[in-house]
């Protein structure tokens, strides 16, 4: 049994702009449909769920506390990590989180154009364009070399949206999509999410993130 733990922000506690309850449940629903057992825990809960997790997904925002019980042990382990959207702005007091994710939102520098419909071409084999209503994060700070799987361009400069990194047995993905429930209404966005999870868990055919 593959166990996925989703650490979900609390709207109005972590930030007022994101419906974390809805988006975290949408992530749980799509990955549960893939046959994995998904548990959603919030940032205000004390939980030992990470001890048994096979995949950690973080979907939270600016004011998240230092993290759930077992976070540091998990981050140091070979087990995979997926950070969604505002995860680049989470756990500011946990340098191990920033180091593991490899991406950071920097106040006053990072931004996004107005939310709207987007058509994005992934650098992935056999994956159609991602058509989604979402925000396109821009001017994020990328802290280490990573494979850019999805990007957009702003003022002629490539802005990475999905970055994958592998160090030894550790696999990590940051996926900047996922502002609202509308993002998870997109079949193409959901297929991207499934492929990310399969690669992270090593449960696919080994080609889920093959580049074009």
N, C-alpha and C. Protein backbone atom coordinates (compact mmCIF):
# COMPACT_ATOMS: atom_id res chain seq x y z
N UNK A 1 0.85 -1.20 0.00
CA UNK A 1 0.00 0.00 0.00
C UNK A 1 0.88 1.25 0.00
N UNK A 2 0.68 2.11 -0.98
CA UNK A 2 1.43 3.36 -1.08
C UNK A 2 0.68 4.45 -0.33
N UNK A 3 1.37 5.10 0.59
CA UNK A 3 0.74 6.11 1.46
C UNK A 3 1.25 7.50 1.10
N UNK A 4 0.32 8.37 0.75
CA UNK A 4 0.61 9.76 0.40
C UNK A 4 0.06 10.65 1.51
N UNK A 5 0.91 11.52 2.05
CA UNK A 5 0.47 12.48 3.06
C UNK A 5 0.54 13.88 2.46
N UNK A 6 -0.60 14.58 2.50
CA UNK A 6 -0.69 15.94 1.98
C UNK A 6 -0.79 16.89 3.16
N UNK A 7 0.24 17.72 3.34
CA UNK A 7 0.22 18.74 4.39
C UNK A 7 -0.44 19.99 3.81
N UNK A 8 -1.62 20.29 4.31
CA UNK A 8 -2.46 21.32 3.73
C UNK A 8 -2.47 22.57 4.60
N UNK A 9 -2.34 23.71 3.98
CA UNK A 9 -2.48 24.97 4.69
C UNK A 9 -3.91 25.18 5.15
N UNK A 10 -4.08 26.18 6.02
CA UNK A 10 -5.40 26.55 6.53
C UNK A 10 -5.67 27.98 6.06
N UNK A 11 -6.69 28.15 5.26
CA UNK A 11 -7.02 29.47 4.73
C UNK A 11 -7.33 30.43 5.88
N UNK A 12 -6.71 31.61 5.84
CA UNK A 12 -6.89 32.59 6.89
C UNK A 12 -5.88 32.45 8.01
N UNK A 13 -5.23 31.29 8.08
CA UNK A 13 -4.14 31.08 9.04
C UNK A 13 -2.81 31.14 8.30
N UNK A 14 -2.72 30.34 7.24
CA UNK A 14 -1.48 30.34 6.45
C UNK A 14 -1.46 31.47 5.43
N UNK A 15 -2.57 31.72 4.78
CA UNK A 15 -2.74 32.94 3.99
C UNK A 15 -4.20 33.04 3.59
N UNK A 16 -4.66 34.23 3.22
CA UNK A 16 -6.08 34.42 2.91
C UNK A 16 -6.44 34.21 1.44
N UNK A 17 -5.47 33.90 0.59
CA UNK A 17 -5.70 33.93 -0.86
C UNK A 17 -5.96 32.56 -1.47
N UNK A 18 -5.80 31.50 -0.71
CA UNK A 18 -5.90 30.17 -1.29
C UNK A 18 -6.86 29.30 -0.48
N UNK A 19 -7.69 28.56 -1.19
CA UNK A 19 -8.61 27.62 -0.56
C UNK A 19 -7.89 26.27 -0.44
N UNK A 20 -7.04 26.18 0.58
CA UNK A 20 -6.20 24.99 0.72
C UNK A 20 -7.03 23.73 0.95
N UNK A 21 -8.11 23.87 1.69
CA UNK A 21 -8.94 22.68 1.95
C UNK A 21 -9.43 22.07 0.65
N UNK A 22 -9.91 22.92 -0.27
CA UNK A 22 -10.45 22.42 -1.53
C UNK A 22 -9.35 21.86 -2.42
N UNK A 23 -8.23 22.58 -2.54
CA UNK A 23 -7.19 22.11 -3.46
C UNK A 23 -6.49 20.87 -2.92
N UNK A 24 -6.28 20.80 -1.61
CA UNK A 24 -5.65 19.59 -1.05
C UNK A 24 -6.55 18.38 -1.23
N UNK A 25 -7.86 18.57 -1.06
CA UNK A 25 -8.78 17.45 -1.27
C UNK A 25 -8.81 17.04 -2.73
N UNK A 26 -8.71 18.00 -3.64
CA UNK A 26 -8.68 17.67 -5.07
C UNK A 26 -7.44 16.83 -5.40
N UNK A 27 -6.30 17.19 -4.81
CA UNK A 27 -5.08 16.40 -5.02
C UNK A 27 -5.28 14.99 -4.47
N UNK A 28 -5.83 14.90 -3.28
CA UNK A 28 -6.08 13.59 -2.67
C UNK A 28 -7.01 12.76 -3.54
N UNK A 29 -8.04 13.37 -4.09
CA UNK A 29 -9.00 12.63 -4.90
C UNK A 29 -8.36 12.05 -6.15
N UNK A 30 -7.56 12.85 -6.85
CA UNK A 30 -6.99 12.35 -8.10
C UNK A 30 -5.94 11.28 -7.83
N UNK A 31 -5.16 11.41 -6.78
CA UNK A 31 -4.14 10.40 -6.50
C UNK A 31 -4.76 9.15 -5.88
N UNK A 32 -5.85 9.30 -5.14
CA UNK A 32 -6.57 8.13 -4.64
C UNK A 32 -7.14 7.32 -5.81
N UNK A 33 -7.60 8.02 -6.84
CA UNK A 33 -8.11 7.34 -8.03
C UNK A 33 -7.01 6.52 -8.71
N UNK A 34 -5.76 6.90 -8.45
CA UNK A 34 -4.63 6.18 -9.03
C UNK A 34 -4.26 4.94 -8.20
N UNK A 35 -4.97 4.75 -7.08
CA UNK A 35 -4.76 3.56 -6.27
C UNK A 35 -3.93 3.77 -5.03
N UNK A 36 -3.57 5.03 -4.73
CA UNK A 36 -2.77 5.30 -3.55
C UNK A 36 -3.66 5.76 -2.40
N UNK A 37 -3.23 5.49 -1.18
CA UNK A 37 -3.96 5.92 0.00
C UNK A 37 -3.49 7.32 0.39
N UNK A 38 -4.39 8.29 0.38
CA UNK A 38 -4.04 9.69 0.63
C UNK A 38 -4.64 10.17 1.95
N UNK A 39 -3.81 10.83 2.74
CA UNK A 39 -4.23 11.41 4.00
C UNK A 39 -3.92 12.90 3.98
N UNK A 40 -4.92 13.73 4.26
CA UNK A 40 -4.72 15.18 4.33
C UNK A 40 -4.62 15.58 5.79
N UNK A 41 -3.51 16.25 6.15
CA UNK A 41 -3.35 16.79 7.49
C UNK A 41 -3.08 18.28 7.34
N UNK A 42 -3.49 19.07 8.32
CA UNK A 42 -3.31 20.51 8.21
C UNK A 42 -2.08 20.97 8.98
N UNK A 43 -1.65 22.17 8.67
CA UNK A 43 -0.47 22.72 9.33
C UNK A 43 -0.70 23.05 10.79
N UNK A 44 -1.95 23.07 11.22
CA UNK A 44 -2.22 23.37 12.64
C UNK A 44 -2.39 22.10 13.46
N UNK A 45 -2.24 20.96 12.82
CA UNK A 45 -2.35 19.69 13.52
C UNK A 45 -0.97 19.17 13.89
N UNK A 46 -0.90 18.47 15.01
CA UNK A 46 0.29 17.71 15.34
C UNK A 46 0.02 16.28 14.90
N UNK A 47 0.89 15.76 14.06
CA UNK A 47 0.61 14.47 13.45
C UNK A 47 1.87 13.65 13.34
N UNK A 48 1.69 12.36 13.43
CA UNK A 48 2.81 11.42 13.21
C UNK A 48 2.67 10.73 11.86
N UNK A 49 1.78 11.25 11.01
CA UNK A 49 1.49 10.59 9.73
C UNK A 49 2.72 10.46 8.85
N UNK A 50 3.66 11.40 8.98
CA UNK A 50 4.84 11.36 8.11
C UNK A 50 5.72 10.15 8.36
N UNK A 51 5.62 9.56 9.54
CA UNK A 51 6.46 8.41 9.83
C UNK A 51 6.21 7.27 8.85
N UNK A 52 4.96 7.15 8.41
CA UNK A 52 4.58 6.05 7.52
C UNK A 52 4.39 6.49 6.07
N UNK A 53 4.70 7.74 5.77
CA UNK A 53 4.42 8.26 4.42
C UNK A 53 5.44 7.76 3.41
N UNK A 54 4.95 7.45 2.21
CA UNK A 54 5.82 7.11 1.08
C UNK A 54 6.06 8.32 0.18
N UNK A 55 5.16 9.31 0.26
CA UNK A 55 5.29 10.55 -0.51
C UNK A 55 4.72 11.68 0.32
N UNK A 56 5.48 12.76 0.46
CA UNK A 56 5.02 13.98 1.13
C UNK A 56 4.68 15.02 0.08
N UNK A 57 3.45 15.55 0.15
CA UNK A 57 3.03 16.66 -0.69
C UNK A 57 2.72 17.84 0.23
N UNK A 58 3.27 19.00 -0.09
CA UNK A 58 3.01 20.20 0.70
C UNK A 58 2.23 21.19 -0.15
N UNK A 59 1.06 21.56 0.36
CA UNK A 59 0.17 22.52 -0.30
C UNK A 59 -0.23 23.55 0.75
N UNK A 60 0.68 24.48 1.03
CA UNK A 60 0.46 25.44 2.10
C UNK A 60 1.11 26.77 1.73
N UNK A 61 0.97 27.75 2.64
CA UNK A 61 1.36 29.10 2.29
C UNK A 61 2.26 29.80 3.27
N UNK A 62 2.20 31.11 3.24
CA UNK A 62 3.20 32.00 3.82
C UNK A 62 3.44 31.78 5.31
N UNK A 63 2.39 31.68 6.09
CA UNK A 63 2.55 31.74 7.54
C UNK A 63 2.58 30.37 8.20
N UNK A 64 2.90 29.33 7.42
CA UNK A 64 2.93 27.98 7.96
C UNK A 64 3.92 27.90 9.12
N UNK A 65 3.58 27.15 10.16
CA UNK A 65 4.49 26.96 11.31
C UNK A 65 5.68 26.11 10.91
N UNK A 66 6.56 25.78 11.85
CA UNK A 66 7.77 25.02 11.50
C UNK A 66 7.52 23.67 10.86
N UNK A 67 6.29 23.19 10.91
CA UNK A 67 6.00 21.95 10.21
C UNK A 67 5.53 20.85 11.14
N UNK A 68 4.95 19.81 10.56
CA UNK A 68 4.41 18.72 11.38
C UNK A 68 5.52 17.89 12.01
N UNK A 69 5.12 17.10 13.00
CA UNK A 69 6.06 16.17 13.61
C UNK A 69 6.68 15.29 12.53
N UNK A 70 7.98 15.11 12.62
CA UNK A 70 8.65 14.21 11.69
C UNK A 70 9.09 14.85 10.39
N UNK A 71 8.84 16.16 10.20
CA UNK A 71 9.18 16.79 8.92
C UNK A 71 10.68 16.73 8.65
N UNK A 72 11.51 17.07 9.63
CA UNK A 72 12.95 17.08 9.40
C UNK A 72 13.47 15.68 9.09
N UNK A 73 12.96 14.69 9.80
CA UNK A 73 13.37 13.31 9.52
C UNK A 73 12.97 12.90 8.12
N UNK A 74 11.77 13.31 7.71
CA UNK A 74 11.32 12.97 6.36
C UNK A 74 12.21 13.63 5.31
N UNK A 75 12.50 14.91 5.48
CA UNK A 75 13.28 15.63 4.48
C UNK A 75 14.69 15.06 4.34
N UNK A 76 15.22 14.51 5.41
CA UNK A 76 16.57 13.93 5.36
C UNK A 76 16.57 12.51 4.79
N UNK A 77 15.40 11.93 4.62
CA UNK A 77 15.30 10.54 4.16
C UNK A 77 15.31 10.49 2.63
N UNK A 78 15.39 9.30 2.06
CA UNK A 78 15.34 9.17 0.60
C UNK A 78 13.94 9.33 0.03
N UNK A 79 12.92 9.46 0.88
CA UNK A 79 11.55 9.49 0.39
C UNK A 79 11.25 10.78 -0.37
N UNK A 80 10.35 10.72 -1.36
CA UNK A 80 10.15 11.85 -2.28
C UNK A 80 9.29 12.96 -1.71
N UNK A 81 9.43 14.13 -2.34
CA UNK A 81 8.73 15.35 -1.93
C UNK A 81 8.14 16.02 -3.17
N UNK A 82 6.89 16.47 -3.04
CA UNK A 82 6.24 17.28 -4.07
C UNK A 82 5.72 18.54 -3.40
N UNK A 83 6.20 19.69 -3.85
CA UNK A 83 5.70 20.98 -3.37
C UNK A 83 4.82 21.61 -4.42
N UNK A 84 3.63 22.05 -4.02
CA UNK A 84 2.67 22.63 -4.94
C UNK A 84 2.48 24.12 -4.68
N UNK A 85 2.51 24.89 -5.76
CA UNK A 85 2.14 26.30 -5.77
C UNK A 85 2.82 27.09 -4.65
N UNK A 86 2.11 27.41 -3.56
CA UNK A 86 2.67 28.24 -2.51
C UNK A 86 3.65 27.51 -1.60
N UNK A 87 3.96 26.25 -1.91
CA UNK A 87 4.99 25.54 -1.14
C UNK A 87 6.33 26.26 -1.21
N UNK A 88 6.53 27.07 -2.26
CA UNK A 88 7.76 27.84 -2.37
C UNK A 88 7.79 29.00 -1.39
N UNK A 89 6.69 29.20 -0.67
CA UNK A 89 6.60 30.29 0.30
C UNK A 89 6.28 29.75 1.70
N UNK A 90 6.59 28.48 1.92
CA UNK A 90 6.18 27.77 3.13
C UNK A 90 7.39 27.45 4.00
N UNK A 91 7.15 27.27 5.30
CA UNK A 91 8.17 26.82 6.26
C UNK A 91 9.44 27.69 6.19
N UNK A 92 9.24 29.00 6.30
CA UNK A 92 10.37 29.93 6.19
C UNK A 92 11.42 29.70 7.27
N UNK A 93 11.01 29.14 8.40
CA UNK A 93 11.94 28.90 9.49
C UNK A 93 12.56 27.51 9.45
N UNK A 94 12.35 26.81 8.34
CA UNK A 94 12.90 25.46 8.20
C UNK A 94 13.83 25.45 6.98
N UNK A 95 15.10 25.76 7.16
CA UNK A 95 16.01 25.81 6.00
C UNK A 95 16.10 24.48 5.27
N UNK A 96 15.87 23.38 5.97
CA UNK A 96 15.92 22.07 5.32
C UNK A 96 14.82 21.93 4.28
N UNK A 97 13.68 22.61 4.51
CA UNK A 97 12.61 22.58 3.52
C UNK A 97 13.03 23.32 2.25
N UNK A 98 13.57 24.52 2.41
CA UNK A 98 14.01 25.29 1.25
C UNK A 98 15.09 24.56 0.49
N UNK A 99 16.03 23.95 1.22
CA UNK A 99 17.11 23.22 0.56
C UNK A 99 16.57 22.03 -0.23
N UNK A 100 15.61 21.34 0.35
CA UNK A 100 15.06 20.15 -0.33
C UNK A 100 14.22 20.54 -1.54
N UNK A 101 13.36 21.56 -1.38
CA UNK A 101 12.51 21.96 -2.50
C UNK A 101 13.33 22.61 -3.60
N UNK A 102 14.30 23.43 -3.23
CA UNK A 102 15.18 24.04 -4.21
C UNK A 102 14.63 25.25 -4.91
N UNK A 103 13.48 25.74 -4.46
CA UNK A 103 12.82 26.89 -5.08
C UNK A 103 12.25 27.76 -3.97
N UNK A 104 12.32 29.08 -4.16
CA UNK A 104 11.79 29.98 -3.14
C UNK A 104 11.12 31.18 -3.78
N UNK A 105 9.95 31.54 -3.23
CA UNK A 105 9.29 32.80 -3.56
C UNK A 105 9.93 33.89 -2.72
N UNK A 106 10.38 34.97 -3.36
CA UNK A 106 11.05 36.06 -2.67
C UNK A 106 10.14 37.29 -2.69
N UNK A 107 9.71 37.71 -1.52
CA UNK A 107 8.82 38.88 -1.43
C UNK A 107 9.49 40.10 -2.07
N UNK A 108 8.73 40.82 -2.88
CA UNK A 108 9.24 42.01 -3.55
C UNK A 108 9.91 41.72 -4.87
N UNK A 109 10.20 40.45 -5.15
CA UNK A 109 10.82 40.05 -6.42
C UNK A 109 9.91 39.10 -7.20
N UNK A 110 9.50 38.03 -6.55
CA UNK A 110 8.62 37.06 -7.20
C UNK A 110 7.23 37.69 -7.37
N UNK A 111 6.54 37.23 -8.43
CA UNK A 111 5.22 37.79 -8.72
C UNK A 111 4.51 36.86 -9.69
N UNK A 112 3.30 37.23 -10.05
CA UNK A 112 2.61 36.52 -11.13
C UNK A 112 1.71 37.51 -11.85
N UNK A 113 1.58 37.36 -13.18
CA UNK A 113 0.59 38.15 -13.92
C UNK A 113 -0.81 37.77 -13.45
N UNK A 114 -1.82 38.53 -13.87
CA UNK A 114 -3.19 38.20 -13.46
C UNK A 114 -3.56 36.76 -13.82
N UNK A 115 -4.30 36.13 -12.93
CA UNK A 115 -4.74 34.77 -13.17
C UNK A 115 -5.60 34.71 -14.42
N UNK A 116 -5.54 33.59 -15.13
CA UNK A 116 -6.35 33.44 -16.34
C UNK A 116 -6.09 32.09 -16.98
N UNK A 117 -6.69 31.90 -18.14
CA UNK A 117 -6.49 30.66 -18.88
C UNK A 117 -5.10 30.63 -19.50
N UNK A 118 -4.47 29.49 -19.39
CA UNK A 118 -3.11 29.32 -19.88
C UNK A 118 -3.05 28.06 -20.77
N UNK A 119 -2.21 28.12 -21.77
CA UNK A 119 -1.87 26.93 -22.56
C UNK A 119 -0.35 26.79 -22.51
N UNK A 120 0.11 25.73 -21.89
CA UNK A 120 1.52 25.53 -21.62
C UNK A 120 1.98 24.21 -22.24
N UNK A 121 3.13 24.24 -22.87
CA UNK A 121 3.66 23.04 -23.52
C UNK A 121 4.72 22.41 -22.65
N UNK A 122 4.47 21.23 -22.09
CA UNK A 122 5.47 20.58 -21.25
C UNK A 122 6.64 20.06 -22.08
N UNK A 123 7.79 20.00 -21.46
CA UNK A 123 8.97 19.41 -22.10
C UNK A 123 8.99 17.92 -21.78
N UNK A 124 7.85 17.26 -22.00
CA UNK A 124 7.69 15.86 -21.64
C UNK A 124 7.17 15.07 -22.84
N UNK A 125 7.71 13.88 -22.98
CA UNK A 125 7.32 13.01 -24.08
C UNK A 125 5.86 12.57 -23.90
N UNK A 126 5.09 12.61 -24.99
CA UNK A 126 3.73 12.07 -25.00
C UNK A 126 2.78 12.75 -24.02
N UNK A 127 3.02 14.00 -23.70
CA UNK A 127 2.09 14.75 -22.85
C UNK A 127 1.64 15.99 -23.61
N UNK A 128 0.33 16.10 -23.80
CA UNK A 128 -0.23 17.22 -24.55
C UNK A 128 -0.08 18.52 -23.76
N UNK A 129 -0.41 19.62 -24.43
CA UNK A 129 -0.38 20.92 -23.77
C UNK A 129 -1.25 20.88 -22.51
N UNK A 130 -0.78 21.59 -21.48
CA UNK A 130 -1.55 21.76 -20.26
C UNK A 130 -2.40 23.02 -20.43
N UNK A 131 -3.71 22.84 -20.44
CA UNK A 131 -4.64 23.96 -20.57
C UNK A 131 -5.32 24.11 -19.22
N UNK A 132 -5.12 25.26 -18.58
CA UNK A 132 -5.50 25.38 -17.18
C UNK A 132 -5.79 26.84 -16.84
N UNK A 133 -6.72 27.04 -15.92
CA UNK A 133 -6.98 28.37 -15.37
C UNK A 133 -6.16 28.49 -14.10
N UNK A 134 -5.11 29.33 -14.14
CA UNK A 134 -4.16 29.32 -13.02
C UNK A 134 -3.30 30.57 -13.06
N UNK A 135 -2.51 30.71 -12.00
CA UNK A 135 -1.50 31.75 -11.92
C UNK A 135 -0.18 31.21 -12.47
N UNK A 136 0.60 32.09 -13.07
CA UNK A 136 1.91 31.72 -13.58
C UNK A 136 2.98 32.42 -12.74
N UNK A 137 3.49 31.71 -11.75
CA UNK A 137 4.52 32.29 -10.89
C UNK A 137 5.74 32.67 -11.72
N UNK A 138 6.34 33.78 -11.35
CA UNK A 138 7.47 34.34 -12.11
C UNK A 138 8.52 34.88 -11.14
N UNK A 139 9.76 34.90 -11.62
CA UNK A 139 10.89 35.42 -10.85
C UNK A 139 11.06 34.70 -9.51
N UNK A 140 10.79 33.40 -9.53
CA UNK A 140 11.14 32.58 -8.38
C UNK A 140 12.65 32.42 -8.31
N UNK A 141 13.18 32.21 -7.14
CA UNK A 141 14.60 31.93 -6.99
C UNK A 141 14.81 30.42 -7.01
N UNK A 142 15.58 29.96 -7.98
CA UNK A 142 15.90 28.54 -8.10
C UNK A 142 17.30 28.35 -7.50
N UNK A 143 17.37 27.52 -6.48
CA UNK A 143 18.57 27.45 -5.64
C UNK A 143 19.59 26.41 -6.10
N UNK A 144 19.22 25.58 -7.07
CA UNK A 144 20.17 24.55 -7.52
C UNK A 144 19.76 24.12 -8.92
N UNK A 145 20.66 23.48 -9.64
CA UNK A 145 20.29 22.98 -10.97
C UNK A 145 19.13 21.99 -10.87
N UNK A 146 18.20 22.11 -11.81
CA UNK A 146 17.04 21.23 -11.84
C UNK A 146 16.58 21.10 -13.29
N UNK A 147 15.82 20.07 -13.55
CA UNK A 147 15.26 19.86 -14.88
C UNK A 147 13.93 20.58 -14.98
N UNK A 148 13.83 21.51 -15.91
CA UNK A 148 12.60 22.29 -16.10
C UNK A 148 11.67 21.49 -17.01
N UNK A 149 10.52 21.12 -16.47
CA UNK A 149 9.56 20.32 -17.21
C UNK A 149 8.41 21.14 -17.76
N UNK A 150 8.19 22.31 -17.19
CA UNK A 150 7.13 23.20 -17.66
C UNK A 150 7.54 24.62 -17.33
N UNK A 151 7.31 25.53 -18.27
CA UNK A 151 7.72 26.93 -18.07
C UNK A 151 6.80 27.84 -18.86
N UNK A 152 6.86 29.11 -18.55
CA UNK A 152 6.24 30.13 -19.39
C UNK A 152 7.28 31.22 -19.60
N UNK A 153 6.95 32.17 -20.44
CA UNK A 153 7.88 33.26 -20.73
C UNK A 153 7.22 34.59 -20.35
N UNK A 154 7.99 35.41 -19.68
CA UNK A 154 7.54 36.73 -19.29
C UNK A 154 8.61 37.72 -19.71
N UNK A 155 8.23 38.67 -20.55
CA UNK A 155 9.18 39.66 -21.08
C UNK A 155 10.38 38.99 -21.71
N UNK A 156 10.12 37.87 -22.39
CA UNK A 156 11.18 37.17 -23.12
C UNK A 156 12.08 36.30 -22.28
N UNK A 157 11.78 36.15 -20.99
CA UNK A 157 12.62 35.36 -20.09
C UNK A 157 11.85 34.11 -19.66
N UNK A 158 12.49 32.95 -19.75
CA UNK A 158 11.85 31.72 -19.32
C UNK A 158 11.63 31.72 -17.81
N UNK A 159 10.43 31.37 -17.41
CA UNK A 159 10.07 31.31 -15.99
C UNK A 159 9.67 29.87 -15.66
N UNK A 160 10.50 29.12 -14.96
CA UNK A 160 10.18 27.72 -14.66
C UNK A 160 8.93 27.60 -13.79
N UNK A 161 8.11 26.62 -14.12
CA UNK A 161 6.91 26.32 -13.34
C UNK A 161 6.97 24.95 -12.69
N UNK A 162 7.55 23.99 -13.35
CA UNK A 162 7.72 22.65 -12.78
C UNK A 162 9.19 22.25 -12.92
N UNK A 163 9.80 21.96 -11.78
CA UNK A 163 11.22 21.59 -11.76
C UNK A 163 11.37 20.27 -11.01
N UNK A 164 12.15 19.37 -11.60
CA UNK A 164 12.42 18.07 -10.99
C UNK A 164 13.90 17.96 -10.68
N UNK A 165 14.18 17.36 -9.53
CA UNK A 165 15.56 17.22 -9.09
C UNK A 165 15.74 15.84 -8.47
N UNK A 166 16.88 15.24 -8.76
CA UNK A 166 17.19 13.93 -8.20
C UNK A 166 18.63 13.96 -7.68
N UNK A 167 18.79 13.66 -6.40
CA UNK A 167 20.10 13.57 -5.78
C UNK A 167 20.19 12.22 -5.07
N UNK A 168 21.01 11.34 -5.60
CA UNK A 168 21.06 10.01 -5.03
C UNK A 168 19.68 9.37 -5.10
N UNK A 169 19.17 8.92 -3.96
CA UNK A 169 17.85 8.30 -3.92
C UNK A 169 16.73 9.31 -3.71
N UNK A 170 17.05 10.57 -3.49
CA UNK A 170 16.03 11.59 -3.23
C UNK A 170 15.49 12.16 -4.54
N UNK A 171 14.17 12.12 -4.68
CA UNK A 171 13.51 12.76 -5.81
C UNK A 171 12.59 13.87 -5.28
N UNK A 172 12.66 15.02 -5.94
CA UNK A 172 11.89 16.18 -5.50
C UNK A 172 11.33 16.90 -6.72
N UNK A 173 10.07 17.33 -6.63
CA UNK A 173 9.46 18.15 -7.67
C UNK A 173 8.81 19.36 -7.03
N UNK A 174 9.00 20.52 -7.64
CA UNK A 174 8.22 21.69 -7.32
C UNK A 174 7.32 21.98 -8.52
N UNK A 175 6.03 22.10 -8.27
CA UNK A 175 5.03 22.36 -9.31
C UNK A 175 4.28 23.64 -8.90
N UNK A 176 4.50 24.71 -9.65
CA UNK A 176 3.96 26.01 -9.27
C UNK A 176 2.48 26.18 -9.60
N UNK A 177 1.88 25.24 -10.30
CA UNK A 177 0.45 25.35 -10.59
C UNK A 177 -0.36 24.99 -9.34
N UNK A 178 -1.67 25.30 -9.39
CA UNK A 178 -2.54 24.87 -8.31
C UNK A 178 -3.10 25.97 -7.45
N UNK A 179 -3.32 27.17 -8.02
CA UNK A 179 -3.83 28.27 -7.19
C UNK A 179 -5.20 27.94 -6.60
N UNK A 180 -6.09 27.46 -7.43
CA UNK A 180 -7.46 27.24 -6.97
C UNK A 180 -8.02 25.92 -7.49
N UNK A 181 -9.25 25.64 -7.10
CA UNK A 181 -9.87 24.38 -7.49
C UNK A 181 -10.00 24.29 -9.01
N UNK A 182 -10.05 25.46 -9.68
CA UNK A 182 -10.16 25.44 -11.15
C UNK A 182 -8.97 24.73 -11.78
N UNK A 183 -7.80 24.88 -11.16
CA UNK A 183 -6.61 24.23 -11.69
C UNK A 183 -6.78 22.72 -11.74
N UNK A 184 -7.48 22.18 -10.74
CA UNK A 184 -7.65 20.74 -10.65
C UNK A 184 -8.91 20.26 -11.36
N UNK A 185 -9.52 21.15 -12.12
CA UNK A 185 -10.61 20.77 -13.02
C UNK A 185 -10.11 20.51 -14.42
N UNK A 186 -8.82 20.70 -14.63
CA UNK A 186 -8.21 20.53 -15.95
C UNK A 186 -7.68 19.12 -16.12
N UNK A 187 -8.21 18.34 -17.05
CA UNK A 187 -7.69 16.97 -17.26
C UNK A 187 -6.21 16.94 -17.58
N UNK A 188 -5.73 17.91 -18.35
CA UNK A 188 -4.31 17.90 -18.72
C UNK A 188 -3.44 18.24 -17.52
N UNK A 189 -3.92 19.12 -16.65
CA UNK A 189 -3.16 19.43 -15.44
C UNK A 189 -3.14 18.21 -14.51
N UNK A 190 -4.26 17.49 -14.42
CA UNK A 190 -4.31 16.30 -13.58
C UNK A 190 -3.40 15.20 -14.10
N UNK A 191 -3.30 15.07 -15.41
CA UNK A 191 -2.39 14.07 -15.96
C UNK A 191 -0.93 14.42 -15.64
N UNK A 192 -0.59 15.70 -15.70
CA UNK A 192 0.74 16.13 -15.30
C UNK A 192 0.99 15.76 -13.85
N UNK A 193 0.03 16.01 -12.97
CA UNK A 193 0.18 15.68 -11.56
C UNK A 193 0.38 14.18 -11.35
N UNK A 194 -0.40 13.37 -12.05
CA UNK A 194 -0.24 11.92 -11.93
C UNK A 194 1.16 11.47 -12.35
N UNK A 195 1.64 12.04 -13.43
CA UNK A 195 2.97 11.64 -13.91
C UNK A 195 4.06 12.07 -12.95
N UNK A 196 3.90 13.24 -12.35
CA UNK A 196 4.85 13.67 -11.33
C UNK A 196 4.88 12.68 -10.17
N UNK A 197 3.70 12.30 -9.69
CA UNK A 197 3.63 11.39 -8.55
C UNK A 197 4.19 10.02 -8.90
N UNK A 198 3.89 9.53 -10.09
CA UNK A 198 4.43 8.21 -10.48
C UNK A 198 5.95 8.24 -10.52
N UNK A 199 6.50 9.32 -11.07
CA UNK A 199 7.97 9.41 -11.12
C UNK A 199 8.55 9.49 -9.71
N UNK A 200 7.95 10.30 -8.87
CA UNK A 200 8.45 10.44 -7.51
C UNK A 200 8.43 9.11 -6.76
N UNK A 201 7.38 8.34 -6.97
CA UNK A 201 7.23 7.08 -6.25
C UNK A 201 7.91 5.91 -6.95
N UNK A 202 8.40 6.16 -8.16
CA UNK A 202 9.04 5.07 -8.89
C UNK A 202 8.08 3.98 -9.28
N UNK A 203 6.78 4.33 -9.40
CA UNK A 203 5.78 3.30 -9.66
C UNK A 203 5.28 3.31 -11.10
N UNK A 204 5.88 4.16 -11.93
CA UNK A 204 5.48 4.20 -13.33
C UNK A 204 6.36 3.29 -14.17
N UNK A 205 6.46 3.63 -15.43
CA UNK A 205 7.26 2.81 -16.33
C UNK A 205 8.68 3.33 -16.49
N UNK A 206 9.02 4.30 -15.63
CA UNK A 206 10.36 4.88 -15.72
C UNK A 206 10.49 5.99 -16.74
N UNK A 207 9.42 6.22 -17.50
CA UNK A 207 9.47 7.21 -18.56
C UNK A 207 8.49 8.36 -18.33
N UNK A 208 7.92 8.46 -17.13
CA UNK A 208 6.88 9.45 -16.88
C UNK A 208 7.36 10.87 -17.07
N UNK A 209 8.62 11.13 -16.79
CA UNK A 209 9.15 12.49 -16.93
C UNK A 209 10.21 12.56 -18.03
N UNK A 210 10.15 11.63 -18.98
CA UNK A 210 11.07 11.72 -20.12
C UNK A 210 10.80 12.99 -20.91
N UNK A 211 11.87 13.69 -21.22
CA UNK A 211 11.75 14.95 -21.95
C UNK A 211 11.62 14.67 -23.43
N UNK A 212 11.00 15.64 -24.11
CA UNK A 212 10.84 15.54 -25.57
C UNK A 212 12.21 15.56 -26.24
